[in-house]
Amino acid sequence: MHKVKFAIFPNHSFVDLGLYQFGHEICEAGHSFGPARRNHYLFHYVIKGRGVLYADDSHEHTNTFHIHSGEGFLIFPEQVNTYVADMSNPWEYAWLEFDGLRVKQALEVAGFSLEQPIYRAQSSELREKLMDEMIQIVENSDASQFCLIGHLYMFMDYLTRSAENSGKIITSRLREFYIREAIAYIENNYHKNITIEEIAETLKLNRSYFGKIFRLATGKSPQRFLMNYRMIKAAELLTLTKKPINEICASVGYENQMHFSRAFKKIYNISPREWRKNNKGSV
């Protein structure tokens, strides 16, 4: 008996990771979908049975993938694909269609590509949790948007952590991902009293390992990069505004004006007051 459950998510304001539609299907023998193209990423997890995916790679060559229960497959935006249920043991699967600014990087970290779209888990525990999050979304389509997005974030966490190929991606690509995230964190939080330990913890990285890869990528320690970034912002404020120096000090994350002046002089070789005097014509 063919059975389908399907819902559309009103994706209005979730930029980093958004949900578009989701569902569950118990397929009849030989049931097929496609050839088709999607506008977003579409992930299927096979709960029971088996089937075949025909999907174009980056050279527009169609590859064939045989997929069994406990495995999954990812369809990429604008990729031509067809998938067909087995004649003797047709599959049952759940699916999620999603996209967002951080999705491409996350899927690369998990090892997915047009040439390698198959999900096989290196941890049965994480695989079960991934399936549970998908079922939570499918079975609770009337839940709040924040509830469903929360389950989607958990799904992405389990997907990236459990994927068999996640440990086989190019190390430099993963490092670049962490460095971009660290710099974005600094850009968004430099005005607060943040620490390097806090940044490393946000990235789920060991403090010393984070410092090592950051220095390799930027040529500076995280501490030096943070200080440089704060002083660039301070120099802009000194030049473009008439704010008192103690306010500028606080607005770039320094509680102590003496420490701020010392850091500024270390970068520019003059005090904040001298900088403002030399650049007062720019205000």
C-alpha atoms as a PDB file:
ATOM      1  CA  MET A   1       0.000   0.000   0.000  1.00  0.00           C
ATOM      2  CA  HIS A   2       1.389   3.371  -1.042  1.00  0.00           C
ATOM      3  CA  LYS A   3       1.257   5.955   1.741  1.00  0.00           C
ATOM      4  CA  VAL A   4       2.589   9.535   1.755  1.00  0.00           C
ATOM      5  CA  LYS A   5       2.730  12.208   4.451  1.00  0.00           C
ATOM      6  CA  PHE A   6       3.828  15.639   3.242  1.00  0.00           C
ATOM      7  CA  ALA A   7       4.029  19.197   4.616  1.00  0.00           C
ATOM      8  CA  ILE A   8       5.398  22.579   3.553  1.00  0.00           C
ATOM      9  CA  PHE A   9       7.248  24.778   6.043  1.00  0.00           C
ATOM     10  CA  PRO A  10       6.666  28.581   5.875  1.00  0.00           C
ATOM     11  CA  ASN A  11      10.350  29.473   5.628  1.00  0.00           C
ATOM     12  CA  HIS A  12      10.337  33.256   6.084  1.00  0.00           C
ATOM     13  CA  SER A  13      13.232  34.286   8.304  1.00  0.00           C
ATOM     14  CA  PHE A  14      15.642  31.396   8.897  1.00  0.00           C
ATOM     15  CA  VAL A  15      18.706  32.449   6.919  1.00  0.00           C
ATOM     16  CA  ASP A  16      21.518  30.203   8.171  1.00  0.00           C
ATOM     17  CA  LEU A  17      19.446  27.012   8.051  1.00  0.00           C
ATOM     18  CA  GLY A  18      15.901  26.913   6.720  1.00  0.00           C
ATOM     19  CA  LEU A  19      13.326  24.180   6.163  1.00  0.00           C
ATOM     20  CA  TYR A  20      11.174  24.069   3.038  1.00  0.00           C
ATOM     21  CA  GLN A  21       9.205  20.835   2.996  1.00  0.00           C
ATOM     22  CA  PHE A  22       9.307  17.388   4.558  1.00  0.00           C
ATOM     23  CA  GLY A  23       7.512  14.091   4.503  1.00  0.00           C
ATOM     24  CA  HIS A  24       7.374  10.330   4.846  1.00  0.00           C
ATOM     25  CA  GLU A  25       6.538   7.775   2.163  1.00  0.00           C
ATOM     26  CA  ILE A  26       5.913   4.036   2.050  1.00  0.00           C
ATOM     27  CA  CYS A  27       6.464   3.215  -1.605  1.00  0.00           C
ATOM     28  CA  GLU A  28       4.944   0.559  -3.830  1.00  0.00           C
ATOM     29  CA  ALA A  29       7.225  -1.726  -5.830  1.00  0.00           C
ATOM     30  CA  GLY A  30       8.896   0.159  -8.684  1.00  0.00           C
ATOM     31  CA  HIS A  31       7.549   3.562  -7.594  1.00  0.00           C
ATOM     32  CA  SER A  32       9.751   6.294  -9.087  1.00  0.00           C
ATOM     33  CA  PHE A  33      10.205  10.058  -8.911  1.00  0.00           C
ATOM     34  CA  GLY A  34      11.950  12.068 -11.610  1.00  0.00           C
ATOM     35  CA  PRO A  35      13.821  13.008 -13.642  1.00  0.00           C
ATOM     36  CA  ALA A  36      13.589  16.240 -11.676  1.00  0.00           C
ATOM     37  CA  ARG A  37      15.572  19.173 -10.335  1.00  0.00           C
ATOM     38  CA  ARG A  38      15.251  20.712  -6.878  1.00  0.00           C
ATOM     39  CA  ASN A  39      15.774  24.311  -5.795  1.00  0.00           C
ATOM     40  CA  HIS A  40      17.265  23.265  -2.441  1.00  0.00           C
ATOM     41  CA  TYR A  41      19.037  20.363  -0.755  1.00  0.00           C
ATOM     42  CA  LEU A  42      16.866  17.277  -0.288  1.00  0.00           C
ATOM     43  CA  PHE A  43      17.878  14.457   2.058  1.00  0.00           C
ATOM     44  CA  HIS A  44      16.169  11.043   2.195  1.00  0.00           C
ATOM     45  CA  TYR A  45      16.746   8.531   4.970  1.00  0.00           C
ATOM     46  CA  VAL A  46      15.737   4.949   4.131  1.00  0.00           C
ATOM     47  CA  ILE A  47      13.899   3.399   7.066  1.00  0.00           C
ATOM     48  CA  LYS A  48      13.102   0.074   5.409  1.00  0.00           C
ATOM     49  CA  GLY A  49      13.641  -1.640   2.063  1.00  0.00           C
ATOM     50  CA  ARG A  50      15.897  -0.510  -0.739  1.00  0.00           C
ATOM     51  CA  GLY A  51      15.994   1.359  -4.032  1.00  0.00           C
ATOM     52  CA  VAL A  52      18.186   3.028  -6.631  1.00  0.00           C
ATOM     53  CA  LEU A  53      19.245   6.649  -7.138  1.00  0.00           C
ATOM     54  CA  TYR A  54      20.257   7.944 -10.572  1.00  0.00           C
ATOM     55  CA  ALA A  55      21.957  11.312 -10.146  1.00  0.00           C
ATOM     56  CA  ASP A  56      24.108  13.582 -12.309  1.00  0.00           C
ATOM     57  CA  ASP A  57      27.598  14.459 -11.067  1.00  0.00           C
ATOM     58  CA  SER A  58      29.585  17.664 -11.632  1.00  0.00           C
ATOM     59  CA  HIS A  59      30.350  16.536 -15.214  1.00  0.00           C
ATOM     60  CA  GLU A  60      26.653  15.869 -15.954  1.00  0.00           C
ATOM     61  CA  HIS A  61      27.332  12.151 -16.065  1.00  0.00           C
ATOM     62  CA  THR A  62      24.579  10.054 -14.514  1.00  0.00           C
ATOM     63  CA  ASN A  63      25.760   7.752 -11.708  1.00  0.00           C
ATOM     64  CA  THR A  64      23.830   4.838 -10.216  1.00  0.00           C
ATOM     65  CA  PHE A  65      23.676   4.242  -6.461  1.00  0.00           C
ATOM     66  CA  HIS A  66      22.026   1.269  -4.724  1.00  0.00           C
ATOM     67  CA  ILE A  67      20.723   2.285  -1.309  1.00  0.00           C
ATOM     68  CA  HIS A  68      19.475   0.088   1.559  1.00  0.00           C
ATOM     69  CA  SER A  69      17.720   0.629   4.888  1.00  0.00           C
ATOM     70  CA  GLY A  70      19.851   2.548   7.386  1.00  0.00           C
ATOM     71  CA  GLU A  71      21.389   4.595   4.573  1.00  0.00           C
ATOM     72  CA  GLY A  72      20.374   7.853   2.935  1.00  0.00           C
ATOM     73  CA  PHE A  73      20.981  10.028  -0.082  1.00  0.00           C
ATOM     74  CA  LEU A  74      21.401  13.755  -0.679  1.00  0.00           C
ATOM     75  CA  ILE A  75      20.088  15.560  -3.738  1.00  0.00           C
ATOM     76  CA  PHE A  76      21.753  18.866  -4.570  1.00  0.00           C
ATOM     77  CA  PRO A  77      20.088  22.046  -5.896  1.00  0.00           C
ATOM     78  CA  GLU A  78      19.646  21.985  -9.695  1.00  0.00           C
ATOM     79  CA  GLN A  79      20.925  18.404  -9.909  1.00  0.00           C
ATOM     80  CA  VAL A  80      19.009  16.122 -12.298  1.00  0.00           C
ATOM     81  CA  ASN A  81      17.986  12.959 -10.458  1.00  0.00           C
ATOM     82  CA  THR A  82      15.587  10.016 -10.456  1.00  0.00           C
ATOM     83  CA  TYR A  83      15.001   7.502  -7.676  1.00  0.00           C
ATOM     84  CA  VAL A  84      13.179   4.199  -7.897  1.00  0.00           C
ATOM     85  CA  ALA A  85      11.874   1.765  -5.262  1.00  0.00           C
ATOM     86  CA  ASP A  86      13.037  -1.852  -5.504  1.00  0.00           C
ATOM     87  CA  MET A  87      10.595  -4.326  -7.115  1.00  0.00           C
ATOM     88  CA  SER A  88      10.862  -6.990  -4.402  1.00  0.00           C
ATOM     89  CA  ASN A  89      11.615  -4.884  -1.302  1.00  0.00           C
ATOM     90  CA  PRO A  90      10.423  -1.285  -1.945  1.00  0.00           C
ATOM     91  CA  TRP A  91      11.707   1.356   0.355  1.00  0.00           C
ATOM     92  CA  GLU A  92      10.117   3.455   3.031  1.00  0.00           C
ATOM     93  CA  TYR A  93      11.821   6.786   3.694  1.00  0.00           C
ATOM     94  CA  ALA A  94      11.559  10.149   5.385  1.00  0.00           C
ATOM     95  CA  TRP A  95      12.810  13.308   3.696  1.00  0.00           C
ATOM     96  CA  LEU A  96      13.692  16.917   4.475  1.00  0.00           C
ATOM     97  CA  GLU A  97      14.237  19.751   2.004  1.00  0.00           C
ATOM     98  CA  PHE A  98      16.445  22.493   3.451  1.00  0.00           C
ATOM     99  CA  ASP A  99      18.905  25.236   2.572  1.00  0.00           C
ATOM    100  CA  GLY A 100      20.711  28.234   4.075  1.00  0.00           C
ATOM    101  CA  LEU A 101      23.920  30.238   4.202  1.00  0.00           C
ATOM    102  CA  ARG A 102      25.761  27.644   6.310  1.00  0.00           C
ATOM    103  CA  VAL A 103      24.405  24.496   4.656  1.00  0.00           C
ATOM    104  CA  LYS A 104      26.917  24.105   1.817  1.00  0.00           C
ATOM    105  CA  GLN A 105      29.864  24.306   4.220  1.00  0.00           C
ATOM    106  CA  ALA A 106      28.260  21.891   6.671  1.00  0.00           C
ATOM    107  CA  LEU A 107      27.576  19.305   3.960  1.00  0.00           C
ATOM    108  CA  GLU A 108      31.149  19.627   2.677  1.00  0.00           C
ATOM    109  CA  VAL A 109      32.366  18.998   6.218  1.00  0.00           C
ATOM    110  CA  ALA A 110      30.191  15.867   6.265  1.00  0.00           C
ATOM    111  CA  GLY A 111      31.870  14.667   3.061  1.00  0.00           C
ATOM    112  CA  PHE A 112      28.943  15.002   0.647  1.00  0.00           C
ATOM    113  CA  SER A 113      29.491  15.912  -2.997  1.00  0.00           C
ATOM    114  CA  LEU A 114      27.795  15.416  -6.366  1.00  0.00           C
ATOM    115  CA  GLU A 115      30.079  12.426  -6.844  1.00  0.00           C
ATOM    116  CA  GLN A 116      29.418  11.091  -3.324  1.00  0.00           C
ATOM    117  CA  PRO A 117      25.793  11.779  -2.300  1.00  0.00           C
ATOM    118  CA  ILE A 118      25.241   8.631  -0.191  1.00  0.00           C
ATOM    119  CA  TYR A 119      24.891   8.740   3.589  1.00  0.00           C
ATOM    120  CA  ARG A 120      26.342   5.820   5.524  1.00  0.00           C
ATOM    121  CA  ALA A 121      26.813   6.259   9.260  1.00  0.00           C
ATOM    122  CA  GLN A 122      29.979   5.542  11.196  1.00  0.00           C
ATOM    123  CA  SER A 123      27.911   5.538  14.407  1.00  0.00           C
ATOM    124  CA  SER A 124      24.668   3.587  14.734  1.00  0.00           C
ATOM    125  CA  GLU A 125      23.735   5.669  17.794  1.00  0.00           C
ATOM    126  CA  LEU A 126      24.030   8.966  15.916  1.00  0.00           C
ATOM    127  CA  ARG A 127      22.241   7.440  12.913  1.00  0.00           C
ATOM    128  CA  GLU A 128      19.263   6.561  15.111  1.00  0.00           C
ATOM    129  CA  LYS A 129      19.231  10.059  16.566  1.00  0.00           C
ATOM    130  CA  LEU A 130      19.315  11.530  13.057  1.00  0.00           C
ATOM    131  CA  MET A 131      16.280   9.447  12.089  1.00  0.00           C
ATOM    132  CA  ASP A 132      14.483  10.418  15.313  1.00  0.00           C
ATOM    133  CA  GLU A 133      14.929  14.128  14.545  1.00  0.00           C
ATOM    134  CA  MET A 134      13.535  13.626  11.036  1.00  0.00           C
ATOM    135  CA  ILE A 135      10.520  11.753  12.405  1.00  0.00           C
ATOM    136  CA  GLN A 136       9.956  14.476  15.010  1.00  0.00           C
ATOM    137  CA  ILE A 137       9.694  17.020  12.195  1.00  0.00           C
ATOM    138  CA  VAL A 138       7.485  14.858   9.969  1.00  0.00           C
ATOM    139  CA  GLU A 139       5.100  13.824  12.759  1.00  0.00           C
ATOM    140  CA  ASN A 140       4.735  17.318  14.236  1.00  0.00           C
ATOM    141  CA  SER A 141       4.062  19.529  11.233  1.00  0.00           C
ATOM    142  CA  ASP A 142       1.737  21.705  13.335  1.00  0.00           C
ATOM    143  CA  ALA A 143       4.469  22.512  15.885  1.00  0.00           C
ATOM    144  CA  SER A 144       5.896  26.030  16.099  1.00  0.00           C
ATOM    145  CA  GLN A 145       8.471  27.166  13.554  1.00  0.00           C
ATOM    146  CA  PHE A 146      11.135  27.435  16.250  1.00  0.00           C
ATOM    147  CA  CYS A 147      10.422  23.874  17.399  1.00  0.00           C
ATOM    148  CA  LEU A 148      10.812  22.482  13.874  1.00  0.00           C
ATOM    149  CA  ILE A 149      13.935  24.538  13.166  1.00  0.00           C
ATOM    150  CA  GLY A 150      15.400  23.297  16.458  1.00  0.00           C
ATOM    151  CA  HIS A 151      14.916  19.700  15.325  1.00  0.00           C
ATOM    152  CA  LEU A 152      16.455  20.606  11.942  1.00  0.00           C
ATOM    153  CA  TYR A 153      19.582  21.933  13.666  1.00  0.00           C
ATOM    154  CA  MET A 154      19.832  18.706  15.670  1.00  0.00           C
ATOM    155  CA  PHE A 155      19.410  16.696  12.463  1.00  0.00           C
ATOM    156  CA  MET A 156      22.273  18.645  10.831  1.00  0.00           C
ATOM    157  CA  ASP A 157      24.461  18.070  13.873  1.00  0.00           C
ATOM    158  CA  TYR A 158      23.891  14.304  13.765  1.00  0.00           C
ATOM    159  CA  LEU A 159      24.323  14.245   9.990  1.00  0.00           C
ATOM    160  CA  THR A 160      27.699  16.012  10.009  1.00  0.00           C
ATOM    161  CA  ARG A 161      28.987  14.037  13.000  1.00  0.00           C
ATOM    162  CA  SER A 162      27.867  10.596  11.868  1.00  0.00           C
ATOM    163  CA  ALA A 163      28.509  10.626   8.113  1.00  0.00           C
ATOM    164  CA  GLU A 164      31.018   7.945   7.141  1.00  0.00           C
ATOM    165  CA  ASN A 165      33.010  10.309   4.922  1.00  0.00           C
ATOM    166  CA  SER A 166      33.209  13.177   7.421  1.00  0.00           C
ATOM    167  CA  GLY A 167      36.659  12.089   8.567  1.00  0.00           C
ATOM    168  CA  LYS A 168      37.927  11.785   5.003  1.00  0.00           C
ATOM    169  CA  ILE A 169      37.462  15.347   3.788  1.00  0.00           C
ATOM    170  CA  ILE A 170      40.457  17.496   2.951  1.00  0.00           C
ATOM    171  CA  THR A 171      41.898  18.789   6.218  1.00  0.00           C
ATOM    172  CA  SER A 172      42.582  22.263   4.839  1.00  0.00           C
ATOM    173  CA  ARG A 173      38.920  22.659   3.867  1.00  0.00           C
ATOM    174  CA  LEU A 174      37.809  21.864   7.405  1.00  0.00           C
ATOM    175  CA  ARG A 175      40.380  24.278   8.820  1.00  0.00           C
ATOM    176  CA  GLU A 176      39.139  27.010   6.493  1.00  0.00           C
ATOM    177  CA  PHE A 177      35.616  26.400   7.752  1.00  0.00           C
ATOM    178  CA  TYR A 178      36.728  26.844  11.379  1.00  0.00           C
ATOM    179  CA  ILE A 179      38.741  29.968  10.590  1.00  0.00           C
ATOM    180  CA  ARG A 180      35.821  31.586   8.763  1.00  0.00           C
ATOM    181  CA  GLU A 181      33.576  30.822  11.722  1.00  0.00           C
ATOM    182  CA  ALA A 182      36.138  32.240  14.178  1.00  0.00           C
ATOM    183  CA  ILE A 183      36.576  35.470  12.206  1.00  0.00           C
ATOM    184  CA  ALA A 184      32.807  35.864  11.885  1.00  0.00           C
ATOM    185  CA  TYR A 185      32.511  35.420  15.649  1.00  0.00           C
ATOM    186  CA  ILE A 186      35.141  38.107  16.238  1.00  0.00           C
ATOM    187  CA  GLU A 187      33.447  40.504  13.795  1.00  0.00           C
ATOM    188  CA  ASN A 188      30.121  40.073  15.572  1.00  0.00           C
ATOM    189  CA  ASN A 189      31.418  40.147  19.155  1.00  0.00           C
ATOM    190  CA  TYR A 190      34.618  42.249  19.256  1.00  0.00           C
ATOM    191  CA  HIS A 191      32.772  44.933  21.262  1.00  0.00           C
ATOM    192  CA  LYS A 192      32.167  42.445  24.084  1.00  0.00           C
ATOM    193  CA  ASN A 193      34.625  41.111  26.642  1.00  0.00           C
ATOM    194  CA  ILE A 194      35.218  37.894  24.688  1.00  0.00           C
ATOM    195  CA  THR A 195      38.163  35.542  25.166  1.00  0.00           C
ATOM    196  CA  ILE A 196      40.008  33.135  22.885  1.00  0.00           C
ATOM    197  CA  GLU A 197      38.811  30.274  25.105  1.00  0.00           C
ATOM    198  CA  GLU A 198      35.241  31.369  24.423  1.00  0.00           C
ATOM    199  CA  ILE A 199      35.816  31.351  20.651  1.00  0.00           C
ATOM    200  CA  ALA A 200      37.399  27.888  20.750  1.00  0.00           C
ATOM    201  CA  GLU A 201      34.549  26.587  22.893  1.00  0.00           C
ATOM    202  CA  THR A 202      31.981  28.006  20.452  1.00  0.00           C
ATOM    203  CA  LEU A 203      33.709  26.065  17.652  1.00  0.00           C
ATOM    204  CA  LYS A 204      33.921  22.923  19.834  1.00  0.00           C
ATOM    205  CA  LEU A 205      37.715  22.923  19.438  1.00  0.00           C
ATOM    206  CA  ASN A 206      40.577  22.393  21.852  1.00  0.00           C
ATOM    207  CA  ARG A 207      42.098  25.777  22.794  1.00  0.00           C
ATOM    208  CA  SER A 208      45.656  24.945  21.719  1.00  0.00           C
ATOM    209  CA  TYR A 209      44.530  23.274  18.469  1.00  0.00           C
ATOM    210  CA  PHE A 210      42.418  26.307  17.612  1.00  0.00           C
ATOM    211  CA  GLY A 211      45.385  28.611  18.225  1.00  0.00           C
ATOM    212  CA  LYS A 212      47.606  26.457  16.009  1.00  0.00           C
ATOM    213  CA  ILE A 213      45.283  26.324  12.983  1.00  0.00           C
ATOM    214  CA  PHE A 214      44.388  30.005  13.325  1.00  0.00           C
ATOM    215  CA  ARG A 215      48.051  31.024  13.239  1.00  0.00           C
ATOM    216  CA  LEU A 216      48.683  28.742  10.240  1.00  0.00           C
ATOM    217  CA  ALA A 217      45.778  30.292   8.338  1.00  0.00           C
ATOM    218  CA  THR A 218      46.238  33.972   9.208  1.00  0.00           C
ATOM    219  CA  GLY A 219      49.865  34.324  10.273  1.00  0.00           C
ATOM    220  CA  LYS A 220      48.682  35.759  13.598  1.00  0.00           C
ATOM    221  CA  SER A 221      47.678  34.295  16.925  1.00  0.00           C
ATOM    222  CA  PRO A 222      43.957  34.603  17.742  1.00  0.00           C
ATOM    223  CA  GLN A 223      44.834  37.113  20.493  1.00  0.00           C
ATOM    224  CA  ARG A 224      46.791  39.302  18.069  1.00  0.00           C
ATOM    225  CA  PHE A 225      44.066  39.102  15.416  1.00  0.00           C
ATOM    226  CA  LEU A 226      41.384  40.107  17.939  1.00  0.00           C
ATOM    227  CA  MET A 227      43.462  42.999  19.190  1.00  0.00           C
ATOM    228  CA  ASN A 228      44.223  44.184  15.636  1.00  0.00           C
ATOM    229  CA  TYR A 229      40.543  44.033  14.708  1.00  0.00           C
ATOM    230  CA  ARG A 230      39.528  46.011  17.793  1.00  0.00           C
ATOM    231  CA  MET A 231      42.171  48.662  17.137  1.00  0.00           C
ATOM    232  CA  ILE A 232      41.072  49.057  13.502  1.00  0.00           C
ATOM    233  CA  LYS A 233      37.537  49.710  14.748  1.00  0.00           C
ATOM    234  CA  ALA A 234      38.881  52.074  17.413  1.00  0.00           C
ATOM    235  CA  ALA A 235      40.888  54.033  14.817  1.00  0.00           C
ATOM    236  CA  GLU A 236      37.732  54.380  12.693  1.00  0.00           C
ATOM    237  CA  LEU A 237      35.783  55.758  15.657  1.00  0.00           C
ATOM    238  CA  LEU A 238      38.591  58.147  16.614  1.00  0.00           C
ATOM    239  CA  THR A 239      38.707  59.449  13.050  1.00  0.00           C
ATOM    240  CA  LEU A 240      35.018  59.517  12.121  1.00  0.00           C
ATOM    241  CA  THR A 241      33.324  60.439  15.411  1.00  0.00           C
ATOM    242  CA  LYS A 242      33.744  62.837  18.322  1.00  0.00           C
ATOM    243  CA  LYS A 243      33.032  60.185  20.951  1.00  0.00           C
ATOM    244  CA  PRO A 244      35.175  60.478  24.095  1.00  0.00           C
ATOM    245  CA  ILE A 245      38.064  58.035  24.225  1.00  0.00           C
ATOM    246  CA  ASN A 246      36.629  56.239  27.243  1.00  0.00           C
ATOM    247  CA  GLU A 247      33.441  55.490  25.246  1.00  0.00           C
ATOM    248  CA  ILE A 248      35.462  54.239  22.287  1.00  0.00           C
ATOM    249  CA  CYS A 249      37.480  52.084  24.668  1.00  0.00           C
ATOM    250  CA  ALA A 250      34.275  50.412  25.916  1.00  0.00           C
ATOM    251  CA  SER A 251      32.776  50.092  22.426  1.00  0.00           C
ATOM    252  CA  VAL A 252      35.676  47.904  21.252  1.00  0.00           C
ATOM    253  CA  GLY A 253      35.608  45.549  24.231  1.00  0.00           C
ATOM    254  CA  TYR A 254      38.015  47.146  26.727  1.00  0.00           C
ATOM    255  CA  GLU A 255      36.933  47.796  30.305  1.00  0.00           C
ATOM    256  CA  ASN A 256      40.228  49.491  31.254  1.00  0.00           C
ATOM    257  CA  GLN A 257      41.225  52.620  29.334  1.00  0.00           C
ATOM    258  CA  MET A 258      44.899  52.186  30.214  1.00  0.00           C
ATOM    259  CA  HIS A 259      44.911  48.686  28.698  1.00  0.00           C
ATOM    260  CA  PHE A 260      43.133  50.053  25.626  1.00  0.00           C
ATOM    261  CA  SER A 261      45.678  52.868  25.148  1.00  0.00           C
ATOM    262  CA  ARG A 262      48.552  50.432  25.563  1.00  0.00           C
ATOM    263  CA  ALA A 263      47.078  48.081  22.935  1.00  0.00           C
ATOM    264  CA  PHE A 264      46.404  50.959  20.535  1.00  0.00           C
ATOM    265  CA  LYS A 265      49.959  52.245  20.842  1.00  0.00           C
ATOM    266  CA  LYS A 266      51.283  48.720  20.283  1.00  0.00           C
ATOM    267  CA  ILE A 267      49.542  48.615  16.899  1.00  0.00           C
ATOM    268  CA  TYR A 268      49.873  52.234  15.697  1.00  0.00           C
ATOM    269  CA  ASN A 269      52.927  53.428  17.683  1.00  0.00           C
ATOM    270  CA  ILE A 270      51.009  56.486  18.930  1.00  0.00           C
ATOM    271  CA  SER A 271      48.352  56.995  21.587  1.00  0.00           C
ATOM    272  CA  PRO A 272      44.628  57.214  20.757  1.00  0.00           C
ATOM    273  CA  ARG A 273      44.700  60.925  21.615  1.00  0.00           C
ATOM    274  CA  GLU A 274      47.614  61.553  19.226  1.00  0.00           C
ATOM    275  CA  TRP A 275      45.855  59.533  16.505  1.00  0.00           C
ATOM    276  CA  ARG A 276      42.742  61.696  16.800  1.00  0.00           C
ATOM    277  CA  LYS A 277      44.832  64.888  16.739  1.00  0.00           C
ATOM    278  CA  ASN A 278      46.692  63.740  13.596  1.00  0.00           C
ATOM    279  CA  ASN A 279      43.460  62.734  11.852  1.00  0.00           C
ATOM    280  CA  LYS A 280      41.055  65.404  13.125  1.00  0.00           C
ATOM    281  CA  GLY A 281      40.621  66.821   9.649  1.00  0.00           C
ATOM    282  CA  SER A 282      38.789  63.638   8.648  1.00  0.00           C
ATOM    283  CA  VAL A 283      35.932  64.175  11.122  1.00  0.00           C
END
